[in-house]
């Protein structure tokens, strides 16, 4: 780590998210538990919307998603995003 970079964490002394990930890939939190402290933070996630699908449509999507290694929700979002882009280009 260069001298002008401030560590992002006190435990790993890492200055990038990648360095933090590398540190925790090689270390166990149990060994550092006494160095941790409780924190409170707020997460602002964008609200998700639900769409109801006919059971036979969902079954088809679920089978296709499994075949390509995705969650059905992920596959549906990808398909809809592609379709919206096609509509925008038309």
PDB file of N, CA and C in Angstrom:
ATOM      1  N   UNK A   1       0.854  -1.177   0.000  1.00  0.00           N
ATOM      2  CA  UNK A   1       0.000   0.000   0.000  1.00  0.00           C
ATOM      3  C   UNK A   1       0.895   1.233   0.000  1.00  0.00           C
ATOM      4  N   UNK A   2       0.558   2.213  -0.818  1.00  0.00           N
ATOM      5  CA  UNK A   2       1.376   3.423  -0.877  1.00  0.00           C
ATOM      6  C   UNK A   2       1.160   4.278   0.360  1.00  0.00           C
ATOM      7  N   UNK A   3       2.118   5.129   0.669  1.00  0.00           N
ATOM      8  CA  UNK A   3       2.098   5.925   1.889  1.00  0.00           C
ATOM      9  C   UNK A   3       0.967   6.944   1.916  1.00  0.00           C
ATOM     10  N   UNK A   4       0.462   7.376   0.758  1.00  0.00           N
ATOM     11  CA  UNK A   4      -0.555   8.419   0.746  1.00  0.00           C
ATOM     12  C   UNK A   4      -1.988   7.873   0.744  1.00  0.00           C
ATOM     13  N   UNK A   5      -2.135   6.562   0.822  1.00  0.00           N
ATOM     14  CA  UNK A   5      -3.476   5.987   0.843  1.00  0.00           C
ATOM     15  C   UNK A   5      -3.900   5.716   2.282  1.00  0.00           C
ATOM     16  N   UNK A   6      -5.085   6.162   2.645  1.00  0.00           N
ATOM     17  CA  UNK A   6      -5.621   5.906   3.965  1.00  0.00           C
ATOM     18  C   UNK A   6      -6.357   4.569   3.941  1.00  0.00           C
ATOM     19  N   UNK A   7      -6.074   3.694   4.904  1.00  0.00           N
ATOM     20  CA  UNK A   7      -6.775   2.406   4.926  1.00  0.00           C
ATOM     21  C   UNK A   7      -8.281   2.597   5.076  1.00  0.00           C
ATOM     22  N   UNK A   8      -9.039   1.763   4.380  1.00  0.00           N
ATOM     23  CA  UNK A   8     -10.494   1.801   4.493  1.00  0.00           C
ATOM     24  C   UNK A   8     -10.971   1.088   5.747  1.00  0.00           C
ATOM     25  N   UNK A   9     -10.182   0.143   6.237  1.00  0.00           N
ATOM     26  CA  UNK A   9     -10.570  -0.604   7.430  1.00  0.00           C
ATOM     27  C   UNK A   9      -9.398  -0.678   8.389  1.00  0.00           C
ATOM     28  N   UNK A  10      -9.729  -0.730   9.669  1.00  0.00           N
ATOM     29  CA  UNK A  10      -8.677  -0.800  10.673  1.00  0.00           C
ATOM     30  C   UNK A  10      -8.126  -2.210  10.826  1.00  0.00           C
ATOM     31  N   UNK A  11      -8.895  -3.214  10.469  1.00  0.00           N
ATOM     32  CA  UNK A  11      -8.432  -4.593  10.634  1.00  0.00           C
ATOM     33  C   UNK A  11      -7.553  -5.017   9.466  1.00  0.00           C
ATOM     34  N   UNK A  12      -8.039  -4.888   8.253  1.00  0.00           N
ATOM     35  CA  UNK A  12      -7.277  -5.372   7.099  1.00  0.00           C
ATOM     36  C   UNK A  12      -6.195  -4.405   6.657  1.00  0.00           C
ATOM     37  N   UNK A  13      -6.319  -3.156   7.030  1.00  0.00           N
ATOM     38  CA  UNK A  13      -5.408  -2.090   6.587  1.00  0.00           C
ATOM     39  C   UNK A  13      -5.440  -1.915   5.075  1.00  0.00           C
ATOM     40  N   UNK A  14      -6.486  -2.380   4.447  1.00  0.00           N
ATOM     41  CA  UNK A  14      -6.627  -2.310   3.000  1.00  0.00           C
ATOM     42  C   UNK A  14      -7.075  -0.911   2.585  1.00  0.00           C
ATOM     43  N   UNK A  15      -6.682  -0.523   1.372  1.00  0.00           N
ATOM     44  CA  UNK A  15      -7.076   0.795   0.870  1.00  0.00           C
ATOM     45  C   UNK A  15      -8.012   0.710  -0.324  1.00  0.00           C
ATOM     46  N   UNK A  16      -8.331  -0.514  -0.757  1.00  0.00           N
ATOM     47  CA  UNK A  16      -9.296  -0.686  -1.842  1.00  0.00           C
ATOM     48  C   UNK A  16     -10.251  -1.809  -1.469  1.00  0.00           C
ATOM     49  N   UNK A  17     -11.398  -1.814  -2.113  1.00  0.00           N
ATOM     50  CA  UNK A  17     -12.368  -2.875  -1.876  1.00  0.00           C
ATOM     51  C   UNK A  17     -11.771  -4.232  -2.251  1.00  0.00           C
ATOM     52  N   UNK A  18     -10.991  -4.272  -3.320  1.00  0.00           N
ATOM     53  CA  UNK A  18     -10.362  -5.516  -3.756  1.00  0.00           C
ATOM     54  C   UNK A  18      -9.394  -6.045  -2.697  1.00  0.00           C
ATOM     55  N   UNK A  19      -8.623  -5.155  -2.081  1.00  0.00           N
ATOM     56  CA  UNK A  19      -7.698  -5.571  -1.028  1.00  0.00           C
ATOM     57  C   UNK A  19      -8.459  -6.086   0.191  1.00  0.00           C
ATOM     58  N   UNK A  20      -9.576  -5.441   0.509  1.00  0.00           N
ATOM     59  CA  UNK A  20     -10.407  -5.914   1.622  1.00  0.00           C
ATOM     60  C   UNK A  20     -10.917  -7.323   1.323  1.00  0.00           C
ATOM     61  N   UNK A  21     -11.416  -7.525   0.106  1.00  0.00           N
ATOM     62  CA  UNK A  21     -11.922  -8.847  -0.284  1.00  0.00           C
ATOM     63  C   UNK A  21     -10.816  -9.887  -0.201  1.00  0.00           C
ATOM     64  N   UNK A  22      -9.623  -9.556  -0.687  1.00  0.00           N
ATOM     65  CA  UNK A  22      -8.501 -10.491  -0.630  1.00  0.00           C
ATOM     66  C   UNK A  22      -8.154 -10.843   0.815  1.00  0.00           C
ATOM     67  N   UNK A  23      -8.153  -9.836   1.677  1.00  0.00           N
ATOM     68  CA  UNK A  23      -7.836 -10.071   3.089  1.00  0.00           C
ATOM     69  C   UNK A  23      -8.818 -11.056   3.696  1.00  0.00           C
ATOM     70  N   UNK A  24     -10.122 -10.821   3.509  1.00  0.00           N
ATOM     71  CA  UNK A  24     -11.133 -11.676   4.143  1.00  0.00           C
ATOM     72  C   UNK A  24     -11.258 -13.025   3.457  1.00  0.00           C
ATOM     73  N   UNK A  25     -10.766 -13.142   2.227  1.00  0.00           N
ATOM     74  CA  UNK A  25     -10.698 -14.460   1.588  1.00  0.00           C
ATOM     75  C   UNK A  25      -9.670 -15.342   2.299  1.00  0.00           C
ATOM     76  N   UNK A  26      -8.680 -14.704   2.924  1.00  0.00           N
ATOM     77  CA  UNK A  26      -7.578 -15.446   3.539  1.00  0.00           C
ATOM     78  C   UNK A  26      -7.617 -15.452   5.068  1.00  0.00           C
ATOM     79  N   UNK A  27      -8.550 -14.718   5.672  1.00  0.00           N
ATOM     80  CA  UNK A  27      -8.608 -14.615   7.133  1.00  0.00           C
ATOM     81  C   UNK A  27     -10.012 -14.948   7.629  1.00  0.00           C
ATOM     82  N   UNK A  28     -10.082 -15.348   8.894  1.00  0.00           N
ATOM     83  CA  UNK A  28     -11.345 -15.704   9.525  1.00  0.00           C
ATOM     84  C   UNK A  28     -11.725 -14.617  10.527  1.00  0.00           C
ATOM     85  N   UNK A  29     -12.975 -14.171  10.481  1.00  0.00           N
ATOM     86  CA  UNK A  29     -13.438 -13.115  11.392  1.00  0.00           C
ATOM     87  C   UNK A  29     -13.272 -13.507  12.853  1.00  0.00           C
ATOM     88  N   UNK A  30     -13.356 -14.793  13.166  1.00  0.00           N
ATOM     89  CA  UNK A  30     -13.191 -15.232  14.558  1.00  0.00           C
ATOM     90  C   UNK A  30     -11.876 -14.745  15.153  1.00  0.00           C
ATOM     91  N   UNK A  31     -10.852 -14.683  14.342  1.00  0.00           N
ATOM     92  CA  UNK A  31      -9.543 -14.261  14.833  1.00  0.00           C
ATOM     93  C   UNK A  31      -9.491 -12.765  15.144  1.00  0.00           C
ATOM     94  N   UNK A  32     -10.446 -12.007  14.628  1.00  0.00           N
ATOM     95  CA  UNK A  32     -10.444 -10.545  14.790  1.00  0.00           C
ATOM     96  C   UNK A  32     -11.679 -10.027  15.520  1.00  0.00           C
ATOM     97  N   UNK A  33     -12.498 -10.920  16.045  1.00  0.00           N
ATOM     98  CA  UNK A  33     -13.783 -10.531  16.633  1.00  0.00           C
ATOM     99  C   UNK A  33     -13.624  -9.453  17.706  1.00  0.00           C
ATOM    100  N   UNK A  34     -12.602  -9.549  18.531  1.00  0.00           N
ATOM    101  CA  UNK A  34     -12.400  -8.567  19.611  1.00  0.00           C
ATOM    102  C   UNK A  34     -12.042  -7.184  19.077  1.00  0.00           C
ATOM    103  N   UNK A  35     -11.657  -7.090  17.813  1.00  0.00           N
ATOM    104  CA  UNK A  35     -11.315  -5.798  17.220  1.00  0.00           C
ATOM    105  C   UNK A  35     -12.505  -5.145  16.513  1.00  0.00           C
ATOM    106  N   UNK A  36     -13.632  -5.840  16.488  1.00  0.00           N
ATOM    107  CA  UNK A  36     -14.802  -5.294  15.804  1.00  0.00           C
ATOM    108  C   UNK A  36     -15.623  -4.445  16.764  1.00  0.00           C
ATOM    109  N   UNK A  37     -16.496  -3.639  16.195  1.00  0.00           N
ATOM    110  CA  UNK A  37     -17.405  -2.836  17.008  1.00  0.00           C
ATOM    111  C   UNK A  37     -18.748  -2.765  16.295  1.00  0.00           C
ATOM    112  N   UNK A  38     -19.784  -2.621  17.069  1.00  0.00           N
ATOM    113  CA  UNK A  38     -21.127  -2.542  16.508  1.00  0.00           C
ATOM    114  C   UNK A  38     -21.306  -1.198  15.799  1.00  0.00           C
ATOM    115  N   UNK A  39     -21.937  -1.232  14.651  1.00  0.00           N
ATOM    116  CA  UNK A  39     -22.237  -0.008  13.915  1.00  0.00           C
ATOM    117  C   UNK A  39     -23.698  -0.006  13.509  1.00  0.00           C
ATOM    118  N   UNK A  40     -24.217   1.177  13.329  1.00  0.00           N
ATOM    119  CA  UNK A  40     -25.592   1.345  12.861  1.00  0.00           C
ATOM    120  C   UNK A  40     -25.514   2.129  11.559  1.00  0.00           C
ATOM    121  N   UNK A  41     -26.187   1.650  10.547  1.00  0.00           N
ATOM    122  CA  UNK A  41     -26.199   2.361   9.276  1.00  0.00           C
ATOM    123  C   UNK A  41     -27.547   2.155   8.608  1.00  0.00           C
ATOM    124  N   UNK A  42     -27.838   3.027   7.679  1.00  0.00           N
ATOM    125  CA  UNK A  42     -29.103   2.988   6.959  1.00  0.00           C
ATOM    126  C   UNK A  42     -28.850   2.549   5.519  1.00  0.00           C
ATOM    127  N   UNK A  43     -29.688   1.664   5.054  1.00  0.00           N
ATOM    128  CA  UNK A  43     -29.603   1.207   3.669  1.00  0.00           C
ATOM    129  C   UNK A  43     -30.823   1.731   2.936  1.00  0.00           C
ATOM    130  N   UNK A  44     -30.580   2.423   1.861  1.00  0.00           N
ATOM    131  CA  UNK A  44     -31.679   2.939   1.043  1.00  0.00           C
ATOM    132  C   UNK A  44     -31.723   2.158  -0.257  1.00  0.00           C
ATOM    133  N   UNK A  45     -32.524   1.126  -0.254  1.00  0.00           N
ATOM    134  CA  UNK A  45     -32.675   0.307  -1.456  1.00  0.00           C
ATOM    135  C   UNK A  45     -33.896   0.792  -2.231  1.00  0.00           C
ATOM    136  N   UNK A  46     -33.756   0.778  -3.538  1.00  0.00           N
ATOM    137  CA  UNK A  46     -34.894   1.169  -4.359  1.00  0.00           C
ATOM    138  C   UNK A  46     -35.974   0.105  -4.221  1.00  0.00           C
ATOM    139  N   UNK A  47     -37.194   0.566  -4.146  1.00  0.00           N
ATOM    140  CA  UNK A  47     -38.315  -0.349  -3.978  1.00  0.00           C
ATOM    141  C   UNK A  47     -38.476  -1.215  -5.218  1.00  0.00           C
ATOM    142  N   UNK A  48     -38.674  -2.495  -4.995  1.00  0.00           N
ATOM    143  CA  UNK A  48     -38.904  -3.425  -6.092  1.00  0.00           C
ATOM    144  C   UNK A  48     -40.393  -3.543  -6.335  1.00  0.00           C
ATOM    145  N   UNK A  49     -40.743  -3.834  -7.545  1.00  0.00           N
ATOM    146  CA  UNK A  49     -42.135  -4.043  -7.918  1.00  0.00           C
ATOM    147  C   UNK A  49     -42.328  -5.515  -8.216  1.00  0.00           C
ATOM    148  N   UNK A  50     -43.488  -6.018  -7.925  1.00  0.00           N
ATOM    149  CA  UNK A  50     -43.799  -7.424  -8.191  1.00  0.00           C
ATOM    150  C   UNK A  50     -44.771  -7.517  -9.355  1.00  0.00           C
ATOM    151  N   UNK A  51     -44.554  -8.506 -10.186  1.00  0.00           N
ATOM    152  CA  UNK A  51     -45.436  -8.771 -11.324  1.00  0.00           C
ATOM    153  C   UNK A  51     -45.878 -10.222 -11.192  1.00  0.00           C
ATOM    154  N   UNK A  52     -47.167 -10.436 -11.298  1.00  0.00           N
ATOM    155  CA  UNK A  52     -47.702 -11.787 -11.201  1.00  0.00           C
ATOM    156  C   UNK A  52     -47.620 -12.480 -12.558  1.00  0.00           C
ATOM    157  N   UNK A  53     -47.127 -13.700 -12.549  1.00  0.00           N
ATOM    158  CA  UNK A  53     -47.024 -14.496 -13.766  1.00  0.00           C
ATOM    159  C   UNK A  53     -47.955 -15.701 -13.661  1.00  0.00           C
ATOM    160  N   UNK A  54     -48.467 -16.101 -14.790  1.00  0.00           N
ATOM    161  CA  UNK A  54     -49.243 -17.338 -14.830  1.00  0.00           C
ATOM    162  C   UNK A  54     -48.307 -18.483 -14.454  1.00  0.00           C
ATOM    163  N   UNK A  55     -48.786 -19.477 -13.712  1.00  0.00           N
ATOM    164  CA  UNK A  55     -47.922 -20.576 -13.270  1.00  0.00           C
ATOM    165  C   UNK A  55     -47.164 -21.255 -14.409  1.00  0.00           C
ATOM    166  N   UNK A  56     -47.810 -21.468 -15.545  1.00  0.00           N
ATOM    167  CA  UNK A  56     -47.117 -22.156 -16.643  1.00  0.00           C
ATOM    168  C   UNK A  56     -46.018 -21.290 -17.242  1.00  0.00           C
ATOM    169  N   UNK A  57     -46.192 -19.970 -17.220  1.00  0.00           N
ATOM    170  CA  UNK A  57     -45.128 -19.077 -17.706  1.00  0.00           C
ATOM    171  C   UNK A  57     -43.953 -19.121 -16.741  1.00  0.00           C
ATOM    172  N   UNK A  58     -44.253 -19.040 -15.448  1.00  0.00           N
ATOM    173  CA  UNK A  58     -43.180 -19.086 -14.453  1.00  0.00           C
ATOM    174  C   UNK A  58     -42.407 -20.397 -14.544  1.00  0.00           C
ATOM    175  N   UNK A  59     -43.098 -21.503 -14.708  1.00  0.00           N
ATOM    176  CA  UNK A  59     -42.431 -22.804 -14.813  1.00  0.00           C
ATOM    177  C   UNK A  59     -41.472 -22.828 -15.996  1.00  0.00           C
ATOM    178  N   UNK A  60     -41.893 -22.274 -17.125  1.00  0.00           N
ATOM    179  CA  UNK A  60     -41.021 -22.208 -18.291  1.00  0.00           C
ATOM    180  C   UNK A  60     -39.813 -21.333 -18.049  1.00  0.00           C
ATOM    181  N   UNK A  61     -40.029 -20.197 -17.431  1.00  0.00           N
ATOM    182  CA  UNK A  61     -38.924 -19.287 -17.116  1.00  0.00           C
ATOM    183  C   UNK A  61     -37.971 -19.946 -16.127  1.00  0.00           C
ATOM    184  N   UNK A  62     -38.522 -20.588 -15.106  1.00  0.00           N
ATOM    185  CA  UNK A  62     -37.683 -21.238 -14.092  1.00  0.00           C
ATOM    186  C   UNK A  62     -36.822 -22.332 -14.709  1.00  0.00           C
ATOM    187  N   UNK A  63     -37.399 -23.110 -15.625  1.00  0.00           N
ATOM    188  CA  UNK A  63     -36.628 -24.169 -16.282  1.00  0.00           C
ATOM    189  C   UNK A  63     -35.502 -23.583 -17.123  1.00  0.00           C
ATOM    190  N   UNK A  64     -35.797 -22.517 -17.873  1.00  0.00           N
ATOM    191  CA  UNK A  64     -34.777 -21.878 -18.712  1.00  0.00           C
ATOM    192  C   UNK A  64     -33.695 -21.247 -17.846  1.00  0.00           C
ATOM    193  N   UNK A  65     -34.107 -20.594 -16.760  1.00  0.00           N
ATOM    194  CA  UNK A  65     -33.148 -19.954 -15.858  1.00  0.00           C
ATOM    195  C   UNK A  65     -32.204 -20.993 -15.260  1.00  0.00           C
ATOM    196  N   UNK A  66     -32.757 -22.117 -14.830  1.00  0.00           N
ATOM    197  CA  UNK A  66     -31.921 -23.181 -14.257  1.00  0.00           C
ATOM    198  C   UNK A  66     -30.926 -23.683 -15.293  1.00  0.00           C
ATOM    199  N   UNK A  67     -31.377 -23.812 -16.528  1.00  0.00           N
ATOM    200  CA  UNK A  67     -30.503 -24.314 -17.597  1.00  0.00           C
ATOM    201  C   UNK A  67     -29.312 -23.396 -17.854  1.00  0.00           C
ATOM    202  N   UNK A  68     -29.503 -22.095 -17.632  1.00  0.00           N
ATOM    203  CA  UNK A  68     -28.401 -21.152 -17.879  1.00  0.00           C
ATOM    204  C   UNK A  68     -27.738 -20.682 -16.585  1.00  0.00           C
ATOM    205  N   UNK A  69     -28.151 -21.243 -15.445  1.00  0.00           N
ATOM    206  CA  UNK A  69     -27.505 -20.935 -14.171  1.00  0.00           C
ATOM    207  C   UNK A  69     -27.873 -19.599 -13.565  1.00  0.00           C
ATOM    208  N   UNK A  70     -29.116 -19.157 -13.790  1.00  0.00           N
ATOM    209  CA  UNK A  70     -29.579 -17.892 -13.223  1.00  0.00           C
ATOM    210  C   UNK A  70     -30.816 -18.115 -12.370  1.00  0.00           C
ATOM    211  N   UNK A  71     -31.118 -17.153 -11.537  1.00  0.00           N
ATOM    212  CA  UNK A  71     -32.402 -17.156 -10.849  1.00  0.00           C
ATOM    213  C   UNK A  71     -33.473 -16.729 -11.840  1.00  0.00           C
ATOM    214  N   UNK A  72     -34.686 -17.232 -11.701  1.00  0.00           N
ATOM    215  CA  UNK A  72     -35.754 -16.814 -12.613  1.00  0.00           C
ATOM    216  C   UNK A  72     -35.933 -15.298 -12.658  1.00  0.00           C
ATOM    217  N   UNK A  73     -35.845 -14.640 -11.511  1.00  0.00           N
ATOM    218  CA  UNK A  73     -36.009 -13.195 -11.450  1.00  0.00           C
ATOM    219  C   UNK A  73     -34.938 -12.480 -12.266  1.00  0.00           C
ATOM    220  N   UNK A  74     -33.716 -12.985 -12.208  1.00  0.00           N
ATOM    221  CA  UNK A  74     -32.616 -12.387 -12.965  1.00  0.00           C
ATOM    222  C   UNK A  74     -32.853 -12.544 -14.457  1.00  0.00           C
ATOM    223  N   UNK A  75     -33.256 -13.740 -14.873  1.00  0.00           N
ATOM    224  CA  UNK A  75     -33.510 -13.979 -16.291  1.00  0.00           C
ATOM    225  C   UNK A  75     -34.642 -13.097 -16.801  1.00  0.00           C
ATOM    226  N   UNK A  76     -35.706 -12.990 -16.041  1.00  0.00           N
ATOM    227  CA  UNK A  76     -36.831 -12.138 -16.443  1.00  0.00           C
ATOM    228  C   UNK A  76     -36.370 -10.694 -16.585  1.00  0.00           C
ATOM    229  N   UNK A  77     -35.589 -10.199 -15.627  1.00  0.00           N
ATOM    230  CA  UNK A  77     -35.093  -8.821 -15.709  1.00  0.00           C
ATOM    231  C   UNK A  77     -34.213  -8.627 -16.938  1.00  0.00           C
ATOM    232  N   UNK A  78     -33.361  -9.603 -17.248  1.00  0.00           N
ATOM    233  CA  UNK A  78     -32.519  -9.499 -18.447  1.00  0.00           C
ATOM    234  C   UNK A  78     -33.374  -9.470 -19.707  1.00  0.00           C
ATOM    235  N   UNK A  79     -34.351 -10.364 -19.792  1.00  0.00           N
ATOM    236  CA  UNK A  79     -35.222 -10.408 -20.968  1.00  0.00           C
ATOM    237  C   UNK A  79     -35.995  -9.113 -21.137  1.00  0.00           C
ATOM    238  N   UNK A  80     -36.530  -8.599 -20.047  1.00  0.00           N
ATOM    239  CA  UNK A  80     -37.307  -7.361 -20.140  1.00  0.00           C
ATOM    240  C   UNK A  80     -36.418  -6.177 -20.519  1.00  0.00           C
ATOM    241  N   UNK A  81     -35.216  -6.130 -19.972  1.00  0.00           N
ATOM    242  CA  UNK A  81     -34.291  -5.049 -20.322  1.00  0.00           C
ATOM    243  C   UNK A  81     -33.946  -5.103 -21.809  1.00  0.00           C
ATOM    244  N   UNK A  82     -33.704  -6.316 -22.328  1.00  0.00           N
ATOM    245  CA  UNK A  82     -33.424  -6.463 -23.758  1.00  0.00           C
ATOM    246  C   UNK A  82     -34.601  -5.992 -24.595  1.00  0.00           C
ATOM    247  N   UNK A  83     -35.784  -6.377 -24.185  1.00  0.00           N
ATOM    248  CA  UNK A  83     -36.984  -6.000 -24.946  1.00  0.00           C
ATOM    249  C   UNK A  83     -37.191  -4.484 -24.930  1.00  0.00           C
ATOM    250  N   UNK A  84     -36.985  -3.864 -23.793  1.00  0.00           N
ATOM    251  CA  UNK A  84     -37.129  -2.417 -23.708  1.00  0.00           C
ATOM    252  C   UNK A  84     -36.119  -1.697 -24.597  1.00  0.00           C
ATOM    253  N   UNK A  85     -34.888  -2.221 -24.651  1.00  0.00           N
ATOM    254  CA  UNK A  85     -33.871  -1.637 -25.523  1.00  0.00           C
ATOM    255  C   UNK A  85     -34.275  -1.780 -26.984  1.00  0.00           C
ATOM    256  N   UNK A  86     -34.835  -2.936 -27.355  1.00  0.00           N
ATOM    257  CA  UNK A  86     -35.311  -3.144 -28.725  1.00  0.00           C
ATOM    258  C   UNK A  86     -36.423  -2.158 -29.059  1.00  0.00           C
ATOM    259  N   UNK A  87     -37.328  -1.959 -28.131  1.00  0.00           N
ATOM    260  CA  UNK A  87     -38.448  -1.034 -28.341  1.00  0.00           C
ATOM    261  C   UNK A  87     -37.932   0.399 -28.502  1.00  0.00           C
ATOM    262  N   UNK A  88     -36.923   0.733 -27.702  1.00  0.00           N
ATOM    263  CA  UNK A  88     -36.362   2.081 -27.769  1.00  0.00           C
ATOM    264  C   UNK A  88     -35.677   2.320 -29.117  1.00  0.00           C
ATOM    265  N   UNK A  89     -35.022   1.272 -29.640  1.00  0.00           N
ATOM    266  CA  UNK A  89     -34.293   1.395 -30.902  1.00  0.00           C
ATOM    267  C   UNK A  89     -35.228   1.402 -32.114  1.00  0.00           C
ATOM    268  N   UNK A  90     -36.432   0.878 -31.954  1.00  0.00           N
ATOM    269  CA  UNK A  90     -37.364   0.778 -33.093  1.00  0.00           C
ATOM    270  C   UNK A  90     -38.007   2.106 -33.430  1.00  0.00           C
TER     271      UNK A  90
END
